[in-house]
């Protein structure tokens, strides 16, 4: 791995760590509001709406950082094609679990499900 690649990897890790830290802070700030109902969402005061907006943005940022930055770092750090393939194969169950969690979440919330 080149020094530039190592620097890129460290930066991606710092970026993801910052996103995770801010998401955790938002989650804690909103803990008393959950679980939400449709009626409760519409009755939230403006400051709680702002907190929800921040939570959703931070959630999105962490997902995007994992997807767009950390997975690139995994490819860089792996270095060799066989190593990358083995790591991807070993991570399939985690990836499928993430997909299943998002799928179940959406299935419960989409109309007509």
PDB file of N, CA and C in Angstrom:
ATOM      1  N   UNK A   1       0.850  -1.175   0.000  1.00  0.00           N
ATOM      2  CA  UNK A   1       0.000   0.000   0.000  1.00  0.00           C
ATOM      3  C   UNK A   1       0.893   1.235   0.000  1.00  0.00           C
ATOM      4  N   UNK A   2       0.552   2.166  -0.840  1.00  0.00           N
ATOM      5  CA  UNK A   2       1.343   3.389  -0.928  1.00  0.00           C
ATOM      6  C   UNK A   2       0.982   4.329   0.226  1.00  0.00           C
ATOM      7  N   UNK A   3       1.859   5.288   0.523  1.00  0.00           N
ATOM      8  CA  UNK A   3       1.534   6.261   1.568  1.00  0.00           C
ATOM      9  C   UNK A   3       0.255   7.047   1.256  1.00  0.00           C
ATOM     10  N   UNK A   4       0.017   7.325  -0.010  1.00  0.00           N
ATOM     11  CA  UNK A   4      -1.200   8.041  -0.397  1.00  0.00           C
ATOM     12  C   UNK A   4      -2.443   7.199  -0.110  1.00  0.00           C
ATOM     13  N   UNK A   5      -2.348   5.904  -0.400  1.00  0.00           N
ATOM     14  CA  UNK A   5      -3.472   5.015  -0.127  1.00  0.00           C
ATOM     15  C   UNK A   5      -3.720   4.886   1.369  1.00  0.00           C
ATOM     16  N   UNK A   6      -2.652   4.819   2.143  1.00  0.00           N
ATOM     17  CA  UNK A   6      -2.798   4.752   3.603  1.00  0.00           C
ATOM     18  C   UNK A   6      -3.443   6.025   4.139  1.00  0.00           C
ATOM     19  N   UNK A   7      -3.049   7.164   3.601  1.00  0.00           N
ATOM     20  CA  UNK A   7      -3.646   8.434   4.020  1.00  0.00           C
ATOM     21  C   UNK A   7      -5.130   8.472   3.658  1.00  0.00           C
ATOM     22  N   UNK A   8      -5.479   7.985   2.482  1.00  0.00           N
ATOM     23  CA  UNK A   8      -6.876   7.913   2.070  1.00  0.00           C
ATOM     24  C   UNK A   8      -7.675   7.012   3.016  1.00  0.00           C
ATOM     25  N   UNK A   9      -7.087   5.885   3.363  1.00  0.00           N
ATOM     26  CA  UNK A   9      -7.754   4.949   4.275  1.00  0.00           C
ATOM     27  C   UNK A   9      -7.985   5.589   5.642  1.00  0.00           C
ATOM     28  N   UNK A  10      -6.974   6.262   6.166  1.00  0.00           N
ATOM     29  CA  UNK A  10      -7.124   6.912   7.472  1.00  0.00           C
ATOM     30  C   UNK A  10      -8.186   8.001   7.431  1.00  0.00           C
ATOM     31  N   UNK A  11      -8.204   8.769   6.347  1.00  0.00           N
ATOM     32  CA  UNK A  11      -9.204   9.826   6.204  1.00  0.00           C
ATOM     33  C   UNK A  11     -10.611   9.248   6.145  1.00  0.00           C
ATOM     34  N   UNK A  12     -10.797   8.162   5.419  1.00  0.00           N
ATOM     35  CA  UNK A  12     -12.114   7.526   5.335  1.00  0.00           C
ATOM     36  C   UNK A  12     -12.563   7.022   6.696  1.00  0.00           C
ATOM     37  N   UNK A  13     -11.640   6.435   7.445  1.00  0.00           N
ATOM     38  CA  UNK A  13     -11.980   5.964   8.790  1.00  0.00           C
ATOM     39  C   UNK A  13     -12.363   7.123   9.700  1.00  0.00           C
ATOM     40  N   UNK A  14     -11.630   8.226   9.631  1.00  0.00           N
ATOM     41  CA  UNK A  14     -11.967   9.408  10.447  1.00  0.00           C
ATOM     42  C   UNK A  14     -13.333   9.964  10.055  1.00  0.00           C
ATOM     43  N   UNK A  15     -13.603   9.995   8.776  1.00  0.00           N
ATOM     44  CA  UNK A  15     -14.880  10.500   8.293  1.00  0.00           C
ATOM     45  C   UNK A  15     -16.034   9.639   8.807  1.00  0.00           C
ATOM     46  N   UNK A  16     -15.899   8.337   8.687  1.00  0.00           N
ATOM     47  CA  UNK A  16     -16.942   7.425   9.162  1.00  0.00           C
ATOM     48  C   UNK A  16     -17.097   7.528  10.681  1.00  0.00           C
ATOM     49  N   UNK A  17     -15.992   7.650  11.389  1.00  0.00           N
ATOM     50  CA  UNK A  17     -16.053   7.776  12.843  1.00  0.00           C
ATOM     51  C   UNK A  17     -16.813   9.037  13.250  1.00  0.00           C
ATOM     52  N   UNK A  18     -16.566  10.136  12.556  1.00  0.00           N
ATOM     53  CA  UNK A  18     -17.288  11.372  12.841  1.00  0.00           C
ATOM     54  C   UNK A  18     -18.780  11.224  12.576  1.00  0.00           C
ATOM     55  N   UNK A  19     -19.119  10.602  11.463  1.00  0.00           N
ATOM     56  CA  UNK A  19     -20.536  10.370  11.155  1.00  0.00           C
ATOM     57  C   UNK A  19     -21.193   9.497  12.221  1.00  0.00           C
ATOM     58  N   UNK A  20     -20.508   8.444  12.623  1.00  0.00           N
ATOM     59  CA  UNK A  20     -21.055   7.535  13.640  1.00  0.00           C
ATOM     60  C   UNK A  20     -21.230   8.254  14.976  1.00  0.00           C
ATOM     61  N   UNK A  21     -20.272   9.084  15.337  1.00  0.00           N
ATOM     62  CA  UNK A  21     -20.346   9.821  16.606  1.00  0.00           C
ATOM     63  C   UNK A  21     -21.542  10.783  16.603  1.00  0.00           C
ATOM     64  N   UNK A  22     -21.727  11.497  15.496  1.00  0.00           N
ATOM     65  CA  UNK A  22     -22.840  12.442  15.410  1.00  0.00           C
ATOM     66  C   UNK A  22     -24.187  11.718  15.364  1.00  0.00           C
ATOM     67  N   UNK A  23     -24.247  10.578  14.668  1.00  0.00           N
ATOM     68  CA  UNK A  23     -25.484   9.804  14.629  1.00  0.00           C
ATOM     69  C   UNK A  23     -25.831   9.279  16.022  1.00  0.00           C
ATOM     70  N   UNK A  24     -24.850   8.810  16.743  1.00  0.00           N
ATOM     71  CA  UNK A  24     -25.076   8.329  18.106  1.00  0.00           C
ATOM     72  C   UNK A  24     -25.598   9.450  18.996  1.00  0.00           C
ATOM     73  N   UNK A  25     -25.046  10.646  18.828  1.00  0.00           N
ATOM     74  CA  UNK A  25     -25.514  11.803  19.601  1.00  0.00           C
ATOM     75  C   UNK A  25     -26.965  12.128  19.255  1.00  0.00           C
ATOM     76  N   UNK A  26     -27.298  12.113  17.964  1.00  0.00           N
ATOM     77  CA  UNK A  26     -28.680  12.365  17.554  1.00  0.00           C
ATOM     78  C   UNK A  26     -29.622  11.293  18.092  1.00  0.00           C
ATOM     79  N   UNK A  27     -29.202  10.062  18.044  1.00  0.00           N
ATOM     80  CA  UNK A  27     -30.020   8.963  18.540  1.00  0.00           C
ATOM     81  C   UNK A  27     -30.335   9.165  20.020  1.00  0.00           C
ATOM     82  N   UNK A  28     -29.327   9.520  20.782  1.00  0.00           N
ATOM     83  CA  UNK A  28     -29.537   9.758  22.209  1.00  0.00           C
ATOM     84  C   UNK A  28     -30.460  10.932  22.472  1.00  0.00           C
ATOM     85  N   UNK A  29     -30.308  11.973  21.700  1.00  0.00           N
ATOM     86  CA  UNK A  29     -31.139  13.165  21.878  1.00  0.00           C
ATOM     87  C   UNK A  29     -32.610  12.867  21.587  1.00  0.00           C
ATOM     88  N   UNK A  30     -32.866  11.940  20.687  1.00  0.00           N
ATOM     89  CA  UNK A  30     -34.238  11.617  20.282  1.00  0.00           C
ATOM     90  C   UNK A  30     -34.831  10.410  21.017  1.00  0.00           C
ATOM     91  N   UNK A  31     -34.076   9.795  21.885  1.00  0.00           N
ATOM     92  CA  UNK A  31     -34.521   8.546  22.512  1.00  0.00           C
ATOM     93  C   UNK A  31     -35.896   8.673  23.163  1.00  0.00           C
ATOM     94  N   UNK A  32     -36.166   9.799  23.804  1.00  0.00           N
ATOM     95  CA  UNK A  32     -37.454   9.972  24.486  1.00  0.00           C
ATOM     96  C   UNK A  32     -38.620  10.102  23.512  1.00  0.00           C
ATOM     97  N   UNK A  33     -38.351  10.403  22.256  1.00  0.00           N
ATOM     98  CA  UNK A  33     -39.407  10.586  21.253  1.00  0.00           C
ATOM     99  C   UNK A  33     -39.839   9.268  20.603  1.00  0.00           C
ATOM    100  N   UNK A  34     -39.032   8.235  20.729  1.00  0.00           N
ATOM    101  CA  UNK A  34     -39.303   6.973  20.036  1.00  0.00           C
ATOM    102  C   UNK A  34     -39.913   5.953  20.968  1.00  0.00           C
ATOM    103  N   UNK A  35     -40.749   5.072  20.431  1.00  0.00           N
ATOM    104  CA  UNK A  35     -41.134   4.950  19.022  1.00  0.00           C
ATOM    105  C   UNK A  35     -42.131   6.039  18.629  1.00  0.00           C
ATOM    106  N   UNK A  36     -42.084   6.412  17.367  1.00  0.00           N
ATOM    107  CA  UNK A  36     -42.959   7.444  16.838  1.00  0.00           C
ATOM    108  C   UNK A  36     -44.203   6.829  16.204  1.00  0.00           C
ATOM    109  N   UNK A  37     -45.277   7.570  16.257  1.00  0.00           N
ATOM    110  CA  UNK A  37     -46.491   7.224  15.520  1.00  0.00           C
ATOM    111  C   UNK A  37     -46.722   8.347  14.522  1.00  0.00           C
ATOM    112  N   UNK A  38     -47.533   8.107  13.491  1.00  0.00           N
ATOM    113  CA  UNK A  38     -47.816   9.193  12.553  1.00  0.00           C
ATOM    114  C   UNK A  38     -48.403  10.427  13.253  1.00  0.00           C
ATOM    115  N   UNK A  39     -49.275  10.210  14.212  1.00  0.00           N
ATOM    116  CA  UNK A  39     -49.864  11.348  14.925  1.00  0.00           C
ATOM    117  C   UNK A  39     -48.812  12.107  15.721  1.00  0.00           C
ATOM    118  N   UNK A  40     -47.924  11.380  16.332  1.00  0.00           N
ATOM    119  CA  UNK A  40     -46.878  12.043  17.131  1.00  0.00           C
ATOM    120  C   UNK A  40     -45.918  12.835  16.247  1.00  0.00           C
ATOM    121  N   UNK A  41     -45.596  12.298  15.071  1.00  0.00           N
ATOM    122  CA  UNK A  41     -44.700  13.008  14.157  1.00  0.00           C
ATOM    123  C   UNK A  41     -45.292  14.360  13.775  1.00  0.00           C
ATOM    124  N   UNK A  42     -46.584  14.379  13.462  1.00  0.00           N
ATOM    125  CA  UNK A  42     -47.207  15.645  13.055  1.00  0.00           C
ATOM    126  C   UNK A  42     -47.354  16.620  14.210  1.00  0.00           C
ATOM    127  N   UNK A  43     -47.305  16.126  15.456  1.00  0.00           N
ATOM    128  CA  UNK A  43     -47.472  16.996  16.622  1.00  0.00           C
ATOM    129  C   UNK A  43     -46.147  17.441  17.239  1.00  0.00           C
ATOM    130  N   UNK A  44     -45.040  17.050  16.646  1.00  0.00           N
ATOM    131  CA  UNK A  44     -43.742  17.412  17.230  1.00  0.00           C
ATOM    132  C   UNK A  44     -43.518  18.918  17.171  1.00  0.00           C
ATOM    133  N   UNK A  45     -42.906  19.462  18.213  1.00  0.00           N
ATOM    134  CA  UNK A  45     -42.556  20.880  18.173  1.00  0.00           C
ATOM    135  C   UNK A  45     -41.413  21.112  17.180  1.00  0.00           C
ATOM    136  N   UNK A  46     -41.242  22.361  16.733  1.00  0.00           N
ATOM    137  CA  UNK A  46     -40.213  22.650  15.728  1.00  0.00           C
ATOM    138  C   UNK A  46     -38.804  22.199  16.118  1.00  0.00           C
ATOM    139  N   UNK A  47     -38.430  22.313  17.381  1.00  0.00           N
ATOM    140  CA  UNK A  47     -37.076  21.899  17.758  1.00  0.00           C
ATOM    141  C   UNK A  47     -36.900  20.389  17.616  1.00  0.00           C
ATOM    142  N   UNK A  48     -37.951  19.619  17.896  1.00  0.00           N
ATOM    143  CA  UNK A  48     -37.869  18.167  17.716  1.00  0.00           C
ATOM    144  C   UNK A  48     -37.839  17.808  16.230  1.00  0.00           C
ATOM    145  N   UNK A  49     -38.556  18.570  15.400  1.00  0.00           N
ATOM    146  CA  UNK A  49     -38.487  18.349  13.954  1.00  0.00           C
ATOM    147  C   UNK A  49     -37.069  18.586  13.448  1.00  0.00           C
ATOM    148  N   UNK A  50     -36.440  19.635  13.957  1.00  0.00           N
ATOM    149  CA  UNK A  50     -35.051  19.918  13.575  1.00  0.00           C
ATOM    150  C   UNK A  50     -34.135  18.776  14.002  1.00  0.00           C
ATOM    151  N   UNK A  51     -34.377  18.239  15.192  1.00  0.00           N
ATOM    152  CA  UNK A  51     -33.573  17.108  15.676  1.00  0.00           C
ATOM    153  C   UNK A  51     -33.769  15.879  14.782  1.00  0.00           C
ATOM    154  N   UNK A  52     -35.013  15.650  14.347  1.00  0.00           N
ATOM    155  CA  UNK A  52     -35.273  14.530  13.441  1.00  0.00           C
ATOM    156  C   UNK A  52     -34.596  14.723  12.091  1.00  0.00           C
ATOM    157  N   UNK A  53     -34.630  15.953  11.590  1.00  0.00           N
ATOM    158  CA  UNK A  53     -33.940  16.235  10.328  1.00  0.00           C
ATOM    159  C   UNK A  53     -32.449  15.949  10.444  1.00  0.00           C
ATOM    160  N   UNK A  54     -31.858  16.373  11.559  1.00  0.00           N
ATOM    161  CA  UNK A  54     -30.431  16.126  11.777  1.00  0.00           C
ATOM    162  C   UNK A  54     -30.160  14.630  11.872  1.00  0.00           C
ATOM    163  N   UNK A  55     -31.027  13.900  12.581  1.00  0.00           N
ATOM    164  CA  UNK A  55     -30.877  12.451  12.716  1.00  0.00           C
ATOM    165  C   UNK A  55     -30.904  11.773  11.349  1.00  0.00           C
ATOM    166  N   UNK A  56     -31.906  12.123  10.526  1.00  0.00           N
ATOM    167  CA  UNK A  56     -32.010  11.501   9.204  1.00  0.00           C
ATOM    168  C   UNK A  56     -30.808  11.813   8.326  1.00  0.00           C
ATOM    169  N   UNK A  57     -30.341  13.044   8.371  1.00  0.00           N
ATOM    170  CA  UNK A  57     -29.171  13.423   7.574  1.00  0.00           C
ATOM    171  C   UNK A  57     -27.935  12.665   8.044  1.00  0.00           C
ATOM    172  N   UNK A  58     -27.777  12.539   9.337  1.00  0.00           N
ATOM    173  CA  UNK A  58     -26.610  11.826   9.876  1.00  0.00           C
ATOM    174  C   UNK A  58     -26.676  10.341   9.551  1.00  0.00           C
ATOM    175  N   UNK A  59     -27.874   9.776   9.589  1.00  0.00           N
ATOM    176  CA  UNK A  59     -28.054   8.378   9.200  1.00  0.00           C
ATOM    177  C   UNK A  59     -27.623   8.194   7.744  1.00  0.00           C
ATOM    178  N   UNK A  60     -28.125   9.068   6.887  1.00  0.00           N
ATOM    179  CA  UNK A  60     -27.774   9.033   5.466  1.00  0.00           C
ATOM    180  C   UNK A  60     -26.266   9.195   5.257  1.00  0.00           C
ATOM    181  N   UNK A  61     -25.659  10.116   5.981  1.00  0.00           N
ATOM    182  CA  UNK A  61     -24.225  10.348   5.830  1.00  0.00           C
ATOM    183  C   UNK A  61     -23.405   9.122   6.209  1.00  0.00           C
ATOM    184  N   UNK A  62     -23.789   8.438   7.282  1.00  0.00           N
ATOM    185  CA  UNK A  62     -23.029   7.249   7.672  1.00  0.00           C
ATOM    186  C   UNK A  62     -23.192   6.136   6.634  1.00  0.00           C
ATOM    187  N   UNK A  63     -24.418   5.936   6.156  1.00  0.00           N
ATOM    188  CA  UNK A  63     -24.633   4.922   5.111  1.00  0.00           C
ATOM    189  C   UNK A  63     -23.790   5.245   3.885  1.00  0.00           C
ATOM    190  N   UNK A  64     -23.817   6.498   3.453  1.00  0.00           N
ATOM    191  CA  UNK A  64     -23.048   6.898   2.271  1.00  0.00           C
ATOM    192  C   UNK A  64     -21.546   6.766   2.491  1.00  0.00           C
ATOM    193  N   UNK A  65     -21.081   7.107   3.676  1.00  0.00           N
ATOM    194  CA  UNK A  65     -19.648   7.005   3.960  1.00  0.00           C
ATOM    195  C   UNK A  65     -19.193   5.553   3.940  1.00  0.00           C
ATOM    196  N   UNK A  66     -19.989   4.675   4.528  1.00  0.00           N
ATOM    197  CA  UNK A  66     -19.649   3.248   4.484  1.00  0.00           C
ATOM    198  C   UNK A  66     -19.616   2.770   3.040  1.00  0.00           C
ATOM    199  N   UNK A  67     -20.651   3.130   2.307  1.00  0.00           N
ATOM    200  CA  UNK A  67     -20.784   2.679   0.920  1.00  0.00           C
ATOM    201  C   UNK A  67     -19.724   3.275   0.008  1.00  0.00           C
ATOM    202  N   UNK A  68     -19.532   4.579   0.084  1.00  0.00           N
ATOM    203  CA  UNK A  68     -18.686   5.267  -0.888  1.00  0.00           C
ATOM    204  C   UNK A  68     -17.221   5.338  -0.508  1.00  0.00           C
ATOM    205  N   UNK A  69     -16.916   5.298   0.780  1.00  0.00           N
ATOM    206  CA  UNK A  69     -15.528   5.470   1.194  1.00  0.00           C
ATOM    207  C   UNK A  69     -14.918   4.208   1.807  1.00  0.00           C
ATOM    208  N   UNK A  70     -15.589   3.632   2.794  1.00  0.00           N
ATOM    209  CA  UNK A  70     -14.969   2.498   3.483  1.00  0.00           C
ATOM    210  C   UNK A  70     -14.827   1.276   2.590  1.00  0.00           C
ATOM    211  N   UNK A  71     -15.803   1.011   1.735  1.00  0.00           N
ATOM    212  CA  UNK A  71     -15.670  -0.140   0.847  1.00  0.00           C
ATOM    213  C   UNK A  71     -14.520   0.041  -0.143  1.00  0.00           C
ATOM    214  N   UNK A  72     -14.257   1.281  -0.554  1.00  0.00           N
ATOM    215  CA  UNK A  72     -13.084   1.542  -1.398  1.00  0.00           C
ATOM    216  C   UNK A  72     -11.805   1.235  -0.631  1.00  0.00           C
ATOM    217  N   UNK A  73     -11.785   1.615   0.635  1.00  0.00           N
ATOM    218  CA  UNK A  73     -10.608   1.362   1.468  1.00  0.00           C
ATOM    219  C   UNK A  73     -10.376  -0.132   1.622  1.00  0.00           C
ATOM    220  N   UNK A  74     -11.447  -0.891   1.776  1.00  0.00           N
ATOM    221  CA  UNK A  74     -11.304  -2.346   1.876  1.00  0.00           C
ATOM    222  C   UNK A  74     -10.609  -2.885   0.628  1.00  0.00           C
ATOM    223  N   UNK A  75     -10.991  -2.375  -0.529  1.00  0.00           N
ATOM    224  CA  UNK A  75     -10.357  -2.822  -1.771  1.00  0.00           C
ATOM    225  C   UNK A  75      -8.886  -2.418  -1.822  1.00  0.00           C
ATOM    226  N   UNK A  76      -8.592  -1.205  -1.360  1.00  0.00           N
ATOM    227  CA  UNK A  76      -7.205  -0.730  -1.377  1.00  0.00           C
ATOM    228  C   UNK A  76      -6.347  -1.522  -0.402  1.00  0.00           C
ATOM    229  N   UNK A  77      -6.848  -1.696   0.809  1.00  0.00           N
ATOM    230  CA  UNK A  77      -6.073  -2.388   1.845  1.00  0.00           C
ATOM    231  C   UNK A  77      -5.846  -3.843   1.464  1.00  0.00           C
ATOM    232  N   UNK A  78      -6.868  -4.462   0.829  1.00  0.00           N
ATOM    233  CA  UNK A  78      -6.722  -5.850   0.420  1.00  0.00           C
ATOM    234  C   UNK A  78      -5.574  -6.043  -0.538  1.00  0.00           C
ATOM    235  N   UNK A  79      -5.387  -5.075  -1.424  1.00  0.00           N
ATOM    236  CA  UNK A  79      -4.240  -5.069  -2.315  1.00  0.00           C
ATOM    237  C   UNK A  79      -4.236  -6.134  -3.376  1.00  0.00           C
ATOM    238  N   UNK A  80      -4.337  -7.372  -3.040  1.00  0.00           N
ATOM    239  CA  UNK A  80      -4.256  -8.465  -3.999  1.00  0.00           C
ATOM    240  C   UNK A  80      -5.657  -8.940  -4.365  1.00  0.00           C
ATOM    241  N   UNK A  81      -5.858  -9.316  -5.638  1.00  0.00           N
ATOM    242  CA  UNK A  81      -7.205  -9.697  -6.100  1.00  0.00           C
ATOM    243  C   UNK A  81      -7.741 -10.884  -5.331  1.00  0.00           C
ATOM    244  N   UNK A  82      -6.951 -11.913  -5.094  1.00  0.00           N
ATOM    245  CA  UNK A  82      -7.438 -13.093  -4.367  1.00  0.00           C
ATOM    246  C   UNK A  82      -7.849 -12.707  -2.951  1.00  0.00           C
ATOM    247  N   UNK A  83      -7.070 -11.841  -2.299  1.00  0.00           N
ATOM    248  CA  UNK A  83      -7.403 -11.403  -0.945  1.00  0.00           C
ATOM    249  C   UNK A  83      -8.717 -10.651  -0.907  1.00  0.00           C
ATOM    250  N   UNK A  84      -8.935  -9.779  -1.890  1.00  0.00           N
ATOM    251  CA  UNK A  84     -10.193  -9.042  -1.954  1.00  0.00           C
ATOM    252  C   UNK A  84     -11.383  -9.977  -2.146  1.00  0.00           C
ATOM    253  N   UNK A  85     -11.214 -10.955  -3.011  1.00  0.00           N
ATOM    254  CA  UNK A  85     -12.298 -11.895  -3.255  1.00  0.00           C
ATOM    255  C   UNK A  85     -12.611 -12.712  -2.005  1.00  0.00           C
ATOM    256  N   UNK A  86     -11.575 -13.148  -1.311  1.00  0.00           N
ATOM    257  CA  UNK A  86     -11.804 -13.905  -0.079  1.00  0.00           C
ATOM    258  C   UNK A  86     -12.505 -13.053   0.976  1.00  0.00           C
ATOM    259  N   UNK A  87     -12.081 -11.803   1.111  1.00  0.00           N
ATOM    260  CA  UNK A  87     -12.713 -10.912   2.087  1.00  0.00           C
ATOM    261  C   UNK A  87     -14.164 -10.639   1.707  1.00  0.00           C
ATOM    262  N   UNK A  88     -14.429 -10.443   0.422  1.00  0.00           N
ATOM    263  CA  UNK A  88     -15.806 -10.215  -0.021  1.00  0.00           C
ATOM    264  C   UNK A  88     -16.664 -11.440   0.255  1.00  0.00           C
ATOM    265  N   UNK A  89     -16.112 -12.610  -0.018  1.00  0.00           N
ATOM    266  CA  UNK A  89     -16.863 -13.848   0.219  1.00  0.00           C
ATOM    267  C   UNK A  89     -17.193 -14.003   1.699  1.00  0.00           C
ATOM    268  N   UNK A  90     -16.222 -13.703   2.553  1.00  0.00           N
ATOM    269  CA  UNK A  90     -16.436 -13.820   4.000  1.00  0.00           C
ATOM    270  C   UNK A  90     -17.448 -12.791   4.510  1.00  0.00           C
ATOM    271  N   UNK A  91     -17.574 -11.671   3.831  1.00  0.00           N
ATOM    272  CA  UNK A  91     -18.472 -10.609   4.277  1.00  0.00           C
ATOM    273  C   UNK A  91     -19.887 -10.747   3.717  1.00  0.00           C
ATOM    274  N   UNK A  92     -20.145 -11.756   2.898  1.00  0.00           N
ATOM    275  CA  UNK A  92     -21.462 -11.893   2.287  1.00  0.00           C
ATOM    276  C   UNK A  92     -22.563 -11.973   3.343  1.00  0.00           C
ATOM    277  N   UNK A  93     -22.369 -12.722   4.403  1.00  0.00           N
ATOM    278  CA  UNK A  93     -23.431 -12.848   5.402  1.00  0.00           C
ATOM    279  C   UNK A  93     -23.740 -11.503   6.056  1.00  0.00           C
ATOM    280  N   UNK A  94     -22.717 -10.682   6.307  1.00  0.00           N
ATOM    281  CA  UNK A  94     -22.959  -9.348   6.870  1.00  0.00           C
ATOM    282  C   UNK A  94     -23.713  -8.466   5.885  1.00  0.00           C
ATOM    283  N   UNK A  95     -23.326  -8.513   4.634  1.00  0.00           N
ATOM    284  CA  UNK A  95     -23.986  -7.717   3.608  1.00  0.00           C
ATOM    285  C   UNK A  95     -25.439  -8.151   3.437  1.00  0.00           C
ATOM    286  N   UNK A  96     -25.665  -9.457   3.413  1.00  0.00           N
ATOM    287  CA  UNK A  96     -27.029  -9.959   3.288  1.00  0.00           C
ATOM    288  C   UNK A  96     -27.870  -9.598   4.515  1.00  0.00           C
ATOM    289  N   UNK A  97     -27.264  -9.621   5.693  1.00  0.00           N
ATOM    290  CA  UNK A  97     -27.979  -9.235   6.909  1.00  0.00           C
ATOM    291  C   UNK A  97     -28.369  -7.759   6.863  1.00  0.00           C
ATOM    292  N   UNK A  98     -27.478  -6.919   6.366  1.00  0.00           N
ATOM    293  CA  UNK A  98     -27.798  -5.498   6.232  1.00  0.00           C
ATOM    294  C   UNK A  98     -28.958  -5.320   5.252  1.00  0.00           C
ATOM    295  N   UNK A  99     -28.896  -6.017   4.133  1.00  0.00           N
ATOM    296  CA  UNK A  99     -29.984  -5.959   3.160  1.00  0.00           C
ATOM    297  C   UNK A  99     -31.293  -6.428   3.774  1.00  0.00           C
ATOM    298  N   UNK A 100     -31.263  -7.525   4.486  1.00  0.00           N
ATOM    299  CA  UNK A 100     -32.474  -8.075   5.089  1.00  0.00           C
ATOM    300  C   UNK A 100     -33.072  -7.106   6.106  1.00  0.00           C
ATOM    301  N   UNK A 101     -32.227  -6.457   6.891  1.00  0.00           N
ATOM    302  CA  UNK A 101     -32.722  -5.476   7.860  1.00  0.00           C
ATOM    303  C   UNK A 101     -33.412  -4.312   7.176  1.00  0.00           C
ATOM    304  N   UNK A 102     -32.820  -3.792   6.113  1.00  0.00           N
ATOM    305  CA  UNK A 102     -33.434  -2.682   5.372  1.00  0.00           C
ATOM    306  C   UNK A 102     -34.707  -3.153   4.683  1.00  0.00           C
ATOM    307  N   UNK A 103     -34.680  -4.351   4.128  1.00  0.00           N
ATOM    308  CA  UNK A 103     -35.865  -4.898   3.459  1.00  0.00           C
ATOM    309  C   UNK A 103     -37.027  -5.036   4.430  1.00  0.00           C
ATOM    310  N   UNK A 104     -36.776  -5.627   5.606  1.00  0.00           N
ATOM    311  CA  UNK A 104     -37.836  -5.793   6.610  1.00  0.00           C
ATOM    312  C   UNK A 104     -38.379  -4.440   7.057  1.00  0.00           C
ATOM    313  N   UNK A 105     -37.491  -3.500   7.268  1.00  0.00           N
ATOM    314  CA  UNK A 105     -37.890  -2.160   7.666  1.00  0.00           C
ATOM    315  C   UNK A 105     -38.853  -1.560   6.642  1.00  0.00           C
ATOM    316  N   UNK A 106     -38.491  -1.639   5.364  1.00  0.00           N
ATOM    317  CA  UNK A 106     -39.315  -1.064   4.315  1.00  0.00           C
ATOM    318  C   UNK A 106     -40.619  -1.846   4.131  1.00  0.00           C
ATOM    319  N   UNK A 107     -40.542  -3.157   4.208  1.00  0.00           N
ATOM    320  CA  UNK A 107     -41.752  -3.977   4.062  1.00  0.00           C
ATOM    321  C   UNK A 107     -42.805  -3.608   5.107  1.00  0.00           C
ATOM    322  N   UNK A 108     -42.373  -3.328   6.327  1.00  0.00           N
ATOM    323  CA  UNK A 108     -43.318  -2.971   7.394  1.00  0.00           C
ATOM    324  C   UNK A 108     -43.936  -1.590   7.159  1.00  0.00           C
ATOM    325  N   UNK A 109     -43.266  -0.752   6.407  1.00  0.00           N
ATOM    326  CA  UNK A 109     -43.701   0.636   6.281  1.00  0.00           C
ATOM    327  C   UNK A 109     -44.315   0.996   4.928  1.00  0.00           C
ATOM    328  N   UNK A 110     -44.109   0.170   3.924  1.00  0.00           N
ATOM    329  CA  UNK A 110     -44.650   0.485   2.601  1.00  0.00           C
ATOM    330  C   UNK A 110     -46.127   0.126   2.526  1.00  0.00           C
ATOM    331  N   UNK A 111     -46.915   0.963   1.879  1.00  0.00           N
ATOM    332  CA  UNK A 111     -48.349   0.637   1.732  1.00  0.00           C
ATOM    333  C   UNK A 111     -48.513  -0.627   0.926  1.00  0.00           C
ATOM    334  N   UNK A 112     -49.532  -1.405   1.288  1.00  0.00           N
ATOM    335  CA  UNK A 112     -49.843  -2.613   0.563  1.00  0.00           C
ATOM    336  C   UNK A 112     -48.948  -3.794   0.873  1.00  0.00           C
ATOM    337  N   UNK A 113     -48.127  -3.660   1.904  1.00  0.00           N
ATOM    338  CA  UNK A 113     -47.218  -4.770   2.250  1.00  0.00           C
ATOM    339  C   UNK A 113     -47.907  -5.777   3.135  1.00  0.00           C
TER     340      UNK A 113
END
